[in-house]
């Protein structure tokens, strides 16, 4: 939350309350993408927009990270313990960017 604190000394707590109040008085149309809506509102609600976009960017599942750990387990096996860390990183990078498999 420190990212959202003002460095400007002229800002006050009432500015933050006003931004929250403005958000609470706003209704977003249901047919609009929520990320697009926050991007459009960034000028009016800068702090809330930044916070919302960071939170909404969190993946809903951990499947991608589980696939990466599984691939790493297959890559670094008992027969491949002598691989340099950079080589393992390169193999994992190629594996994660392989669009065919």
PDB file of N, CA and C in Angstrom:
ATOM      1  N   UNK A   1       0.812  -1.198   0.000  1.00  0.00           N
ATOM      2  CA  UNK A   1       0.000   0.000   0.000  1.00  0.00           C
ATOM      3  C   UNK A   1       0.851   1.255   0.000  1.00  0.00           C
ATOM      4  N   UNK A   2       2.138   1.115   0.277  1.00  0.00           N
ATOM      5  CA  UNK A   2       2.989   2.289   0.273  1.00  0.00           C
ATOM      6  C   UNK A   2       3.077   2.909  -1.116  1.00  0.00           C
ATOM      7  N   UNK A   3       2.859   2.106  -2.163  1.00  0.00           N
ATOM      8  CA  UNK A   3       2.888   2.628  -3.524  1.00  0.00           C
ATOM      9  C   UNK A   3       1.806   3.664  -3.751  1.00  0.00           C
ATOM     10  N   UNK A   4       0.764   3.645  -2.947  1.00  0.00           N
ATOM     11  CA  UNK A   4      -0.373   4.513  -3.166  1.00  0.00           C
ATOM     12  C   UNK A   4      -0.380   5.733  -2.265  1.00  0.00           C
ATOM     13  N   UNK A   5       0.666   5.872  -1.460  1.00  0.00           N
ATOM     14  CA  UNK A   5       0.763   7.062  -0.635  1.00  0.00           C
ATOM     15  C   UNK A   5       1.265   8.215  -1.478  1.00  0.00           C
ATOM     16  N   UNK A   6       0.787   9.394  -1.169  1.00  0.00           N
ATOM     17  CA  UNK A   6       1.188  10.581  -1.916  1.00  0.00           C
ATOM     18  C   UNK A   6       2.537  11.084  -1.449  1.00  0.00           C
ATOM     19  N   UNK A   7       3.379  11.451  -2.413  1.00  0.00           N
ATOM     20  CA  UNK A   7       4.619  12.140  -2.097  1.00  0.00           C
ATOM     21  C   UNK A   7       4.366  13.635  -1.984  1.00  0.00           C
ATOM     22  N   UNK A   8       3.266  14.064  -2.541  1.00  0.00           N
ATOM     23  CA  UNK A   8       2.899  15.481  -2.566  1.00  0.00           C
ATOM     24  C   UNK A   8       2.326  15.869  -1.205  1.00  0.00           C
ATOM     25  N   UNK A   9       2.895  16.860  -0.592  1.00  0.00           N
ATOM     26  CA  UNK A   9       2.442  17.255   0.739  1.00  0.00           C
ATOM     27  C   UNK A   9       1.146  18.038   0.710  1.00  0.00           C
ATOM     28  N   UNK A  10       0.710  18.495  -0.476  1.00  0.00           N
ATOM     29  CA  UNK A  10      -0.540  19.251  -0.564  1.00  0.00           C
ATOM     30  C   UNK A  10      -1.741  18.327  -0.570  1.00  0.00           C
ATOM     31  N   UNK A  11      -1.521  17.047  -0.806  1.00  0.00           N
ATOM     32  CA  UNK A  11      -2.609  16.078  -0.815  1.00  0.00           C
ATOM     33  C   UNK A  11      -3.044  15.798   0.617  1.00  0.00           C
ATOM     34  N   UNK A  12      -4.317  15.512   0.765  1.00  0.00           N
ATOM     35  CA  UNK A  12      -4.809  15.216   2.107  1.00  0.00           C
ATOM     36  C   UNK A  12      -5.636  13.948   2.081  1.00  0.00           C
ATOM     37  N   UNK A  13      -6.008  13.470   3.260  1.00  0.00           N
ATOM     38  CA  UNK A  13      -6.836  12.272   3.359  1.00  0.00           C
ATOM     39  C   UNK A  13      -8.190  12.488   2.700  1.00  0.00           C
ATOM     40  N   UNK A  14      -8.660  13.733   2.673  1.00  0.00           N
ATOM     41  CA  UNK A  14      -9.958  13.995   2.048  1.00  0.00           C
ATOM     42  C   UNK A  14      -9.917  13.764   0.541  1.00  0.00           C
ATOM     43  N   UNK A  15      -8.727  13.938  -0.101  1.00  0.00           N
ATOM     44  CA  UNK A  15      -8.594  13.636  -1.525  1.00  0.00           C
ATOM     45  C   UNK A  15      -8.849  12.156  -1.781  1.00  0.00           C
ATOM     46  N   UNK A  16      -8.306  11.292  -0.905  1.00  0.00           N
ATOM     47  CA  UNK A  16      -8.504   9.858  -1.046  1.00  0.00           C
ATOM     48  C   UNK A  16      -9.959   9.500  -0.793  1.00  0.00           C
ATOM     49  N   UNK A  17     -10.585  10.099   0.186  1.00  0.00           N
ATOM     50  CA  UNK A  17     -11.991   9.838   0.470  1.00  0.00           C
ATOM     51  C   UNK A  17     -12.840  10.277  -0.714  1.00  0.00           C
ATOM     52  N   UNK A  18     -12.492  11.419  -1.299  1.00  0.00           N
ATOM     53  CA  UNK A  18     -13.237  11.900  -2.460  1.00  0.00           C
ATOM     54  C   UNK A  18     -13.142  10.913  -3.619  1.00  0.00           C
ATOM     55  N   UNK A  19     -11.988  10.300  -3.817  1.00  0.00           N
ATOM     56  CA  UNK A  19     -11.828   9.322  -4.884  1.00  0.00           C
ATOM     57  C   UNK A  19     -12.682   8.089  -4.615  1.00  0.00           C
ATOM     58  N   UNK A  20     -12.703   7.637  -3.379  1.00  0.00           N
ATOM     59  CA  UNK A  20     -13.537   6.491  -3.018  1.00  0.00           C
ATOM     60  C   UNK A  20     -15.017   6.849  -3.157  1.00  0.00           C
ATOM     61  N   UNK A  21     -15.400   8.019  -2.710  1.00  0.00           N
ATOM     62  CA  UNK A  21     -16.784   8.465  -2.827  1.00  0.00           C
ATOM     63  C   UNK A  21     -17.194   8.562  -4.293  1.00  0.00           C
ATOM     64  N   UNK A  22     -16.320   9.105  -5.120  1.00  0.00           N
ATOM     65  CA  UNK A  22     -16.614   9.212  -6.556  1.00  0.00           C
ATOM     66  C   UNK A  22     -16.792   7.832  -7.169  1.00  0.00           C
ATOM     67  N   UNK A  23     -15.975   6.881  -6.756  1.00  0.00           N
ATOM     68  CA  UNK A  23     -16.114   5.516  -7.260  1.00  0.00           C
ATOM     69  C   UNK A  23     -17.445   4.904  -6.826  1.00  0.00           C
ATOM     70  N   UNK A  24     -17.786   5.079  -5.563  1.00  0.00           N
ATOM     71  CA  UNK A  24     -19.027   4.492  -5.050  1.00  0.00           C
ATOM     72  C   UNK A  24     -20.264   5.082  -5.716  1.00  0.00           C
ATOM     73  N   UNK A  25     -20.169   6.295  -6.210  1.00  0.00           N
ATOM     74  CA  UNK A  25     -21.300   6.934  -6.880  1.00  0.00           C
ATOM     75  C   UNK A  25     -21.358   6.595  -8.369  1.00  0.00           C
ATOM     76  N   UNK A  26     -20.375   5.878  -8.862  1.00  0.00           N
ATOM     77  CA  UNK A  26     -20.291   5.538 -10.275  1.00  0.00           C
ATOM     78  C   UNK A  26     -20.781   4.127 -10.497  1.00  0.00           C
ATOM     79  N   UNK A  27     -21.479   3.953 -11.591  1.00  0.00           N
ATOM     80  CA  UNK A  27     -21.917   2.605 -11.990  1.00  0.00           C
ATOM     81  C   UNK A  27     -21.236   2.278 -13.312  1.00  0.00           C
ATOM     82  N   UNK A  28     -20.649   1.092 -13.406  1.00  0.00           N
ATOM     83  CA  UNK A  28     -20.053   0.700 -14.678  1.00  0.00           C
ATOM     84  C   UNK A  28     -21.077  -0.117 -15.467  1.00  0.00           C
ATOM     85  N   UNK A  29     -21.194   0.137 -16.746  1.00  0.00           N
ATOM     86  CA  UNK A  29     -22.125  -0.637 -17.565  1.00  0.00           C
ATOM     87  C   UNK A  29     -21.696  -2.099 -17.611  1.00  0.00           C
ATOM     88  N   UNK A  30     -22.627  -3.045 -17.530  1.00  0.00           N
ATOM     89  CA  UNK A  30     -22.261  -4.462 -17.472  1.00  0.00           C
ATOM     90  C   UNK A  30     -21.603  -4.978 -18.752  1.00  0.00           C
ATOM     91  N   UNK A  31     -21.830  -4.328 -19.889  1.00  0.00           N
ATOM     92  CA  UNK A  31     -21.266  -4.818 -21.146  1.00  0.00           C
ATOM     93  C   UNK A  31     -19.823  -4.355 -21.374  1.00  0.00           C
ATOM     94  N   UNK A  32     -19.281  -3.582 -20.460  1.00  0.00           N
ATOM     95  CA  UNK A  32     -17.913  -3.075 -20.599  1.00  0.00           C
ATOM     96  C   UNK A  32     -16.956  -3.984 -19.836  1.00  0.00           C
ATOM     97  N   UNK A  33     -15.805  -4.274 -20.439  1.00  0.00           N
ATOM     98  CA  UNK A  33     -14.766  -5.040 -19.757  1.00  0.00           C
ATOM     99  C   UNK A  33     -14.308  -4.254 -18.534  1.00  0.00           C
ATOM    100  N   UNK A  34     -14.162  -4.923 -17.415  1.00  0.00           N
ATOM    101  CA  UNK A  34     -13.795  -4.245 -16.178  1.00  0.00           C
ATOM    102  C   UNK A  34     -12.404  -3.618 -16.273  1.00  0.00           C
ATOM    103  N   UNK A  35     -11.467  -4.285 -16.958  1.00  0.00           N
ATOM    104  CA  UNK A  35     -10.137  -3.705 -17.124  1.00  0.00           C
ATOM    105  C   UNK A  35     -10.186  -2.460 -18.005  1.00  0.00           C
ATOM    106  N   UNK A  36     -11.003  -2.497 -19.045  1.00  0.00           N
ATOM    107  CA  UNK A  36     -11.166  -1.325 -19.913  1.00  0.00           C
ATOM    108  C   UNK A  36     -11.788  -0.179 -19.134  1.00  0.00           C
ATOM    109  N   UNK A  37     -12.757  -0.501 -18.286  1.00  0.00           N
ATOM    110  CA  UNK A  37     -13.421   0.538 -17.501  1.00  0.00           C
ATOM    111  C   UNK A  37     -12.422   1.232 -16.576  1.00  0.00           C
ATOM    112  N   UNK A  38     -11.581   0.450 -15.889  1.00  0.00           N
ATOM    113  CA  UNK A  38     -10.594   1.049 -14.990  1.00  0.00           C
ATOM    114  C   UNK A  38      -9.568   1.857 -15.760  1.00  0.00           C
ATOM    115  N   UNK A  39      -9.210   1.406 -16.962  1.00  0.00           N
ATOM    116  CA  UNK A  39      -8.269   2.174 -17.783  1.00  0.00           C
ATOM    117  C   UNK A  39      -8.891   3.514 -18.170  1.00  0.00           C
ATOM    118  N   UNK A  40     -10.169   3.495 -18.546  1.00  0.00           N
ATOM    119  CA  UNK A  40     -10.864   4.732 -18.914  1.00  0.00           C
ATOM    120  C   UNK A  40     -11.007   5.678 -17.724  1.00  0.00           C
ATOM    121  N   UNK A  41     -11.141   5.148 -16.533  1.00  0.00           N
ATOM    122  CA  UNK A  41     -11.350   5.957 -15.331  1.00  0.00           C
ATOM    123  C   UNK A  41     -10.045   6.376 -14.651  1.00  0.00           C
ATOM    124  N   UNK A  42      -8.902   6.024 -15.231  1.00  0.00           N
ATOM    125  CA  UNK A  42      -7.611   6.313 -14.603  1.00  0.00           C
ATOM    126  C   UNK A  42      -7.381   7.806 -14.381  1.00  0.00           C
ATOM    127  N   UNK A  43      -7.901   8.650 -15.253  1.00  0.00           N
ATOM    128  CA  UNK A  43      -7.736  10.088 -15.075  1.00  0.00           C
ATOM    129  C   UNK A  43      -8.532  10.631 -13.910  1.00  0.00           C
ATOM    130  N   UNK A  44      -9.701  10.052 -13.674  1.00  0.00           N
ATOM    131  CA  UNK A  44     -10.593  10.521 -12.613  1.00  0.00           C
ATOM    132  C   UNK A  44     -10.309   9.835 -11.283  1.00  0.00           C
ATOM    133  N   UNK A  45      -9.914   8.573 -11.337  1.00  0.00           N
ATOM    134  CA  UNK A  45      -9.659   7.782 -10.131  1.00  0.00           C
ATOM    135  C   UNK A  45      -8.265   7.152 -10.221  1.00  0.00           C
ATOM    136  N   UNK A  46      -7.206   7.938 -10.183  1.00  0.00           N
ATOM    137  CA  UNK A  46      -5.869   7.395 -10.463  1.00  0.00           C
ATOM    138  C   UNK A  46      -5.386   6.330  -9.477  1.00  0.00           C
ATOM    139  N   UNK A  47      -5.568   6.552  -8.201  1.00  0.00           N
ATOM    140  CA  UNK A  47      -5.072   5.585  -7.215  1.00  0.00           C
ATOM    141  C   UNK A  47      -5.899   4.302  -7.228  1.00  0.00           C
ATOM    142  N   UNK A  48      -7.205   4.444  -7.252  1.00  0.00           N
ATOM    143  CA  UNK A  48      -8.061   3.258  -7.284  1.00  0.00           C
ATOM    144  C   UNK A  48      -7.875   2.485  -8.583  1.00  0.00           C
ATOM    145  N   UNK A  49      -7.672   3.199  -9.675  1.00  0.00           N
ATOM    146  CA  UNK A  49      -7.459   2.554 -10.966  1.00  0.00           C
ATOM    147  C   UNK A  49      -6.186   1.712 -10.950  1.00  0.00           C
ATOM    148  N   UNK A  50      -5.121   2.275 -10.405  1.00  0.00           N
ATOM    149  CA  UNK A  50      -3.858   1.538 -10.318  1.00  0.00           C
ATOM    150  C   UNK A  50      -4.021   0.301  -9.446  1.00  0.00           C
ATOM    151  N   UNK A  51      -4.645   0.459  -8.313  1.00  0.00           N
ATOM    152  CA  UNK A  51      -4.856  -0.660  -7.400  1.00  0.00           C
ATOM    153  C   UNK A  51      -5.725  -1.738  -8.048  1.00  0.00           C
ATOM    154  N   UNK A  52      -6.813  -1.336  -8.677  1.00  0.00           N
ATOM    155  CA  UNK A  52      -7.723  -2.300  -9.302  1.00  0.00           C
ATOM    156  C   UNK A  52      -7.027  -3.066 -10.421  1.00  0.00           C
ATOM    157  N   UNK A  53      -6.261  -2.374 -11.246  1.00  0.00           N
ATOM    158  CA  UNK A  53      -5.586  -3.053 -12.353  1.00  0.00           C
ATOM    159  C   UNK A  53      -4.528  -4.022 -11.848  1.00  0.00           C
ATOM    160  N   UNK A  54      -3.868  -3.700 -10.730  1.00  0.00           N
ATOM    161  CA  UNK A  54      -2.897  -4.632 -10.160  1.00  0.00           C
ATOM    162  C   UNK A  54      -3.597  -5.864  -9.598  1.00  0.00           C
ATOM    163  N   UNK A  55      -4.704  -5.667  -8.917  1.00  0.00           N
ATOM    164  CA  UNK A  55      -5.425  -6.796  -8.341  1.00  0.00           C
ATOM    165  C   UNK A  55      -6.104  -7.656  -9.402  1.00  0.00           C
ATOM    166  N   UNK A  56      -6.636  -7.022 -10.422  1.00  0.00           N
ATOM    167  CA  UNK A  56      -7.327  -7.773 -11.470  1.00  0.00           C
ATOM    168  C   UNK A  56      -6.355  -8.520 -12.382  1.00  0.00           C
ATOM    169  N   UNK A  57      -5.080  -8.190 -12.318  1.00  0.00           N
ATOM    170  CA  UNK A  57      -4.080  -8.863 -13.142  1.00  0.00           C
ATOM    171  C   UNK A  57      -3.587 -10.170 -12.514  1.00  0.00           C
ATOM    172  N   UNK A  58      -4.004 -10.473 -11.309  1.00  0.00           N
ATOM    173  CA  UNK A  58      -3.597 -11.701 -10.634  1.00  0.00           C
ATOM    174  C   UNK A  58      -4.283 -12.882 -11.317  1.00  0.00           C
ATOM    175  N   UNK A  59      -3.526 -13.908 -11.725  1.00  0.00           N
ATOM    176  CA  UNK A  59      -4.145 -15.058 -12.382  1.00  0.00           C
ATOM    177  C   UNK A  59      -5.157 -15.753 -11.467  1.00  0.00           C
ATOM    178  N   UNK A  60      -6.220 -16.247 -12.056  1.00  0.00           N
ATOM    179  CA  UNK A  60      -7.271 -16.900 -11.287  1.00  0.00           C
ATOM    180  C   UNK A  60      -6.869 -18.306 -10.838  1.00  0.00           C
ATOM    181  N   UNK A  61      -5.921 -18.932 -11.513  1.00  0.00           N
ATOM    182  CA  UNK A  61      -5.488 -20.277 -11.148  1.00  0.00           C
ATOM    183  C   UNK A  61      -3.976 -20.330 -11.052  1.00  0.00           C
ATOM    184  N   UNK A  62      -3.496 -21.416 -10.508  1.00  0.00           N
ATOM    185  CA  UNK A  62      -2.060 -21.617 -10.412  1.00  0.00           C
ATOM    186  C   UNK A  62      -1.592 -22.667 -11.411  1.00  0.00           C
ATOM    187  N   UNK A  63      -2.428 -22.985 -12.406  1.00  0.00           N
ATOM    188  CA  UNK A  63      -2.103 -24.034 -13.363  1.00  0.00           C
ATOM    189  C   UNK A  63      -0.797 -23.748 -14.109  1.00  0.00           C
ATOM    190  N   UNK A  64      -0.573 -22.503 -14.506  1.00  0.00           N
ATOM    191  CA  UNK A  64       0.651 -22.175 -15.250  1.00  0.00           C
ATOM    192  C   UNK A  64       1.893 -22.429 -14.405  1.00  0.00           C
ATOM    193  N   UNK A  65       1.865 -22.033 -13.145  1.00  0.00           N
ATOM    194  CA  UNK A  65       3.042 -22.258 -12.300  1.00  0.00           C
ATOM    195  C   UNK A  65       3.213 -23.749 -11.996  1.00  0.00           C
ATOM    196  N   UNK A  66       2.117 -24.476 -11.871  1.00  0.00           N
ATOM    197  CA  UNK A  66       2.217 -25.917 -11.637  1.00  0.00           C
ATOM    198  C   UNK A  66       2.828 -26.620 -12.845  1.00  0.00           C
ATOM    199  N   UNK A  67       2.457 -26.185 -14.052  1.00  0.00           N
ATOM    200  CA  UNK A  67       3.055 -26.747 -15.266  1.00  0.00           C
ATOM    201  C   UNK A  67       4.548 -26.463 -15.301  1.00  0.00           C
ATOM    202  N   UNK A  68       4.942 -25.275 -14.890  1.00  0.00           N
ATOM    203  CA  UNK A  68       6.369 -24.917 -14.892  1.00  0.00           C
ATOM    204  C   UNK A  68       7.156 -25.782 -13.925  1.00  0.00           C
ATOM    205  N   UNK A  69       6.624 -25.986 -12.723  1.00  0.00           N
ATOM    206  CA  UNK A  69       7.315 -26.834 -11.753  1.00  0.00           C
ATOM    207  C   UNK A  69       7.373 -28.276 -12.231  1.00  0.00           C
ATOM    208  N   UNK A  70       6.317 -28.751 -12.875  1.00  0.00           N
ATOM    209  CA  UNK A  70       6.300 -30.101 -13.407  1.00  0.00           C
ATOM    210  C   UNK A  70       7.354 -30.248 -14.499  1.00  0.00           C
ATOM    211  N   UNK A  71       7.426 -29.266 -15.395  1.00  0.00           N
ATOM    212  CA  UNK A  71       8.428 -29.309 -16.472  1.00  0.00           C
ATOM    213  C   UNK A  71       9.837 -29.242 -15.889  1.00  0.00           C
ATOM    214  N   UNK A  72      10.028 -28.450 -14.858  1.00  0.00           N
ATOM    215  CA  UNK A  72      11.346 -28.354 -14.227  1.00  0.00           C
ATOM    216  C   UNK A  72      11.729 -29.687 -13.603  1.00  0.00           C
ATOM    217  N   UNK A  73      10.767 -30.373 -13.002  1.00  0.00           N
ATOM    218  CA  UNK A  73      11.036 -31.678 -12.408  1.00  0.00           C
ATOM    219  C   UNK A  73      11.444 -32.702 -13.447  1.00  0.00           C
ATOM    220  N   UNK A  74      10.846 -32.602 -14.630  1.00  0.00           N
ATOM    221  CA  UNK A  74      11.208 -33.515 -15.721  1.00  0.00           C
ATOM    222  C   UNK A  74      12.561 -33.145 -16.320  1.00  0.00           C
ATOM    223  N   UNK A  75      12.873 -31.870 -16.341  1.00  0.00           N
ATOM    224  CA  UNK A  75      14.130 -31.403 -16.935  1.00  0.00           C
ATOM    225  C   UNK A  75      15.321 -31.731 -16.052  1.00  0.00           C
ATOM    226  N   UNK A  76      15.199 -31.469 -14.778  1.00  0.00           N
ATOM    227  CA  UNK A  76      16.296 -31.717 -13.847  1.00  0.00           C
ATOM    228  C   UNK A  76      16.040 -33.060 -13.170  1.00  0.00           C
ATOM    229  N   UNK A  77      16.486 -34.104 -13.837  1.00  0.00           N
ATOM    230  CA  UNK A  77      16.300 -35.453 -13.307  1.00  0.00           C
ATOM    231  C   UNK A  77      17.621 -35.954 -12.725  1.00  0.00           C
ATOM    232  N   UNK A  78      17.628 -37.170 -12.231  1.00  0.00           N
ATOM    233  CA  UNK A  78      18.842 -37.748 -11.645  1.00  0.00           C
ATOM    234  C   UNK A  78      19.955 -37.849 -12.680  1.00  0.00           C
ATOM    235  N   UNK A  79      19.591 -38.009 -13.950  1.00  0.00           N
ATOM    236  CA  UNK A  79      20.602 -38.132 -15.004  1.00  0.00           C
ATOM    237  C   UNK A  79      21.118 -36.770 -15.471  1.00  0.00           C
ATOM    238  N   UNK A  80      20.443 -35.707 -15.072  1.00  0.00           N
ATOM    239  CA  UNK A  80      20.824 -34.375 -15.539  1.00  0.00           C
ATOM    240  C   UNK A  80      21.230 -33.445 -14.396  1.00  0.00           C
ATOM    241  N   UNK A  81      21.756 -33.965 -13.351  1.00  0.00           N
ATOM    242  CA  UNK A  81      22.102 -33.127 -12.197  1.00  0.00           C
ATOM    243  C   UNK A  81      23.300 -32.232 -12.457  1.00  0.00           C
ATOM    244  N   UNK A  82      24.056 -32.495 -13.516  1.00  0.00           N
ATOM    245  CA  UNK A  82      25.247 -31.691 -13.804  1.00  0.00           C
ATOM    246  C   UNK A  82      24.933 -30.474 -14.673  1.00  0.00           C
ATOM    247  N   UNK A  83      23.672 -30.264 -15.035  1.00  0.00           N
ATOM    248  CA  UNK A  83      23.317 -29.099 -15.850  1.00  0.00           C
ATOM    249  C   UNK A  83      23.586 -27.816 -15.076  1.00  0.00           C
ATOM    250  N   UNK A  84      24.152 -26.856 -15.762  1.00  0.00           N
ATOM    251  CA  UNK A  84      24.392 -25.551 -15.147  1.00  0.00           C
ATOM    252  C   UNK A  84      23.055 -24.835 -14.950  1.00  0.00           C
ATOM    253  N   UNK A  85      22.945 -24.011 -13.912  1.00  0.00           N
ATOM    254  CA  UNK A  85      21.689 -23.291 -13.678  1.00  0.00           C
ATOM    255  C   UNK A  85      21.240 -22.471 -14.893  1.00  0.00           C
ATOM    256  N   UNK A  86      22.192 -21.869 -15.610  1.00  0.00           N
ATOM    257  CA  UNK A  86      21.837 -21.081 -16.793  1.00  0.00           C
ATOM    258  C   UNK A  86      21.231 -21.971 -17.871  1.00  0.00           C
ATOM    259  N   UNK A  87      21.756 -23.197 -18.006  1.00  0.00           N
ATOM    260  CA  UNK A  87      21.222 -24.140 -18.993  1.00  0.00           C
ATOM    261  C   UNK A  87      19.802 -24.536 -18.630  1.00  0.00           C
ATOM    262  N   UNK A  88      19.569 -24.788 -17.354  1.00  0.00           N
ATOM    263  CA  UNK A  88      18.215 -25.128 -16.903  1.00  0.00           C
ATOM    264  C   UNK A  88      17.273 -23.952 -17.167  1.00  0.00           C
ATOM    265  N   UNK A  89      17.722 -22.735 -16.871  1.00  0.00           N
ATOM    266  CA  UNK A  89      16.904 -21.544 -17.141  1.00  0.00           C
ATOM    267  C   UNK A  89      16.558 -21.452 -18.618  1.00  0.00           C
ATOM    268  N   UNK A  90      17.547 -21.699 -19.479  1.00  0.00           N
ATOM    269  CA  UNK A  90      17.302 -21.628 -20.922  1.00  0.00           C
ATOM    270  C   UNK A  90      16.319 -22.699 -21.384  1.00  0.00           C
ATOM    271  N   UNK A  91      16.471 -23.899 -20.877  1.00  0.00           N
ATOM    272  CA  UNK A  91      15.552 -24.984 -21.233  1.00  0.00           C
ATOM    273  C   UNK A  91      14.133 -24.646 -20.778  1.00  0.00           C
ATOM    274  N   UNK A  92      14.006 -24.130 -19.558  1.00  0.00           N
ATOM    275  CA  UNK A  92      12.679 -23.781 -19.037  1.00  0.00           C
ATOM    276  C   UNK A  92      12.069 -22.626 -19.825  1.00  0.00           C
ATOM    277  N   UNK A  93      12.900 -21.666 -20.238  1.00  0.00           N
ATOM    278  CA  UNK A  93      12.410 -20.548 -21.042  1.00  0.00           C
ATOM    279  C   UNK A  93      11.860 -21.053 -22.375  1.00  0.00           C
ATOM    280  N   UNK A  94      12.618 -21.932 -23.025  1.00  0.00           N
ATOM    281  CA  UNK A  94      12.164 -22.486 -24.304  1.00  0.00           C
ATOM    282  C   UNK A  94      10.894 -23.305 -24.101  1.00  0.00           C
ATOM    283  N   UNK A  95      10.840 -24.089 -23.036  1.00  0.00           N
ATOM    284  CA  UNK A  95       9.657 -24.902 -22.768  1.00  0.00           C
ATOM    285  C   UNK A  95       8.425 -24.017 -22.524  1.00  0.00           C
ATOM    286  N   UNK A  96       8.584 -22.949 -21.761  1.00  0.00           N
ATOM    287  CA  UNK A  96       7.426 -22.103 -21.430  1.00  0.00           C
ATOM    288  C   UNK A  96       6.942 -21.277 -22.622  1.00  0.00           C
ATOM    289  N   UNK A  97       7.795 -21.079 -23.628  1.00  0.00           N
ATOM    290  CA  UNK A  97       7.417 -20.312 -24.805  1.00  0.00           C
ATOM    291  C   UNK A  97       7.104 -21.180 -26.021  1.00  0.00           C
ATOM    292  N   UNK A  98       7.093 -22.491 -25.823  1.00  0.00           N
ATOM    293  CA  UNK A  98       6.776 -23.409 -26.904  1.00  0.00           C
ATOM    294  C   UNK A  98       5.268 -23.403 -27.137  1.00  0.00           C
ATOM    295  N   UNK A  99       4.839 -22.909 -28.266  1.00  0.00           N
ATOM    296  CA  UNK A  99       3.397 -22.782 -28.538  1.00  0.00           C
ATOM    297  C   UNK A  99       2.787 -24.087 -29.007  1.00  0.00           C
ATOM    298  N   UNK A 100       3.616 -25.084 -29.347  1.00  0.00           N
ATOM    299  CA  UNK A 100       3.085 -26.340 -29.873  1.00  0.00           C
ATOM    300  C   UNK A 100       2.981 -27.427 -28.821  1.00  0.00           C
ATOM    301  N   UNK A 101       3.445 -27.182 -27.639  1.00  0.00           N
ATOM    302  CA  UNK A 101       3.413 -28.304 -26.739  1.00  0.00           C
ATOM    303  C   UNK A 101       3.315 -27.959 -25.340  1.00  0.00           C
TER     304      UNK A 101
END
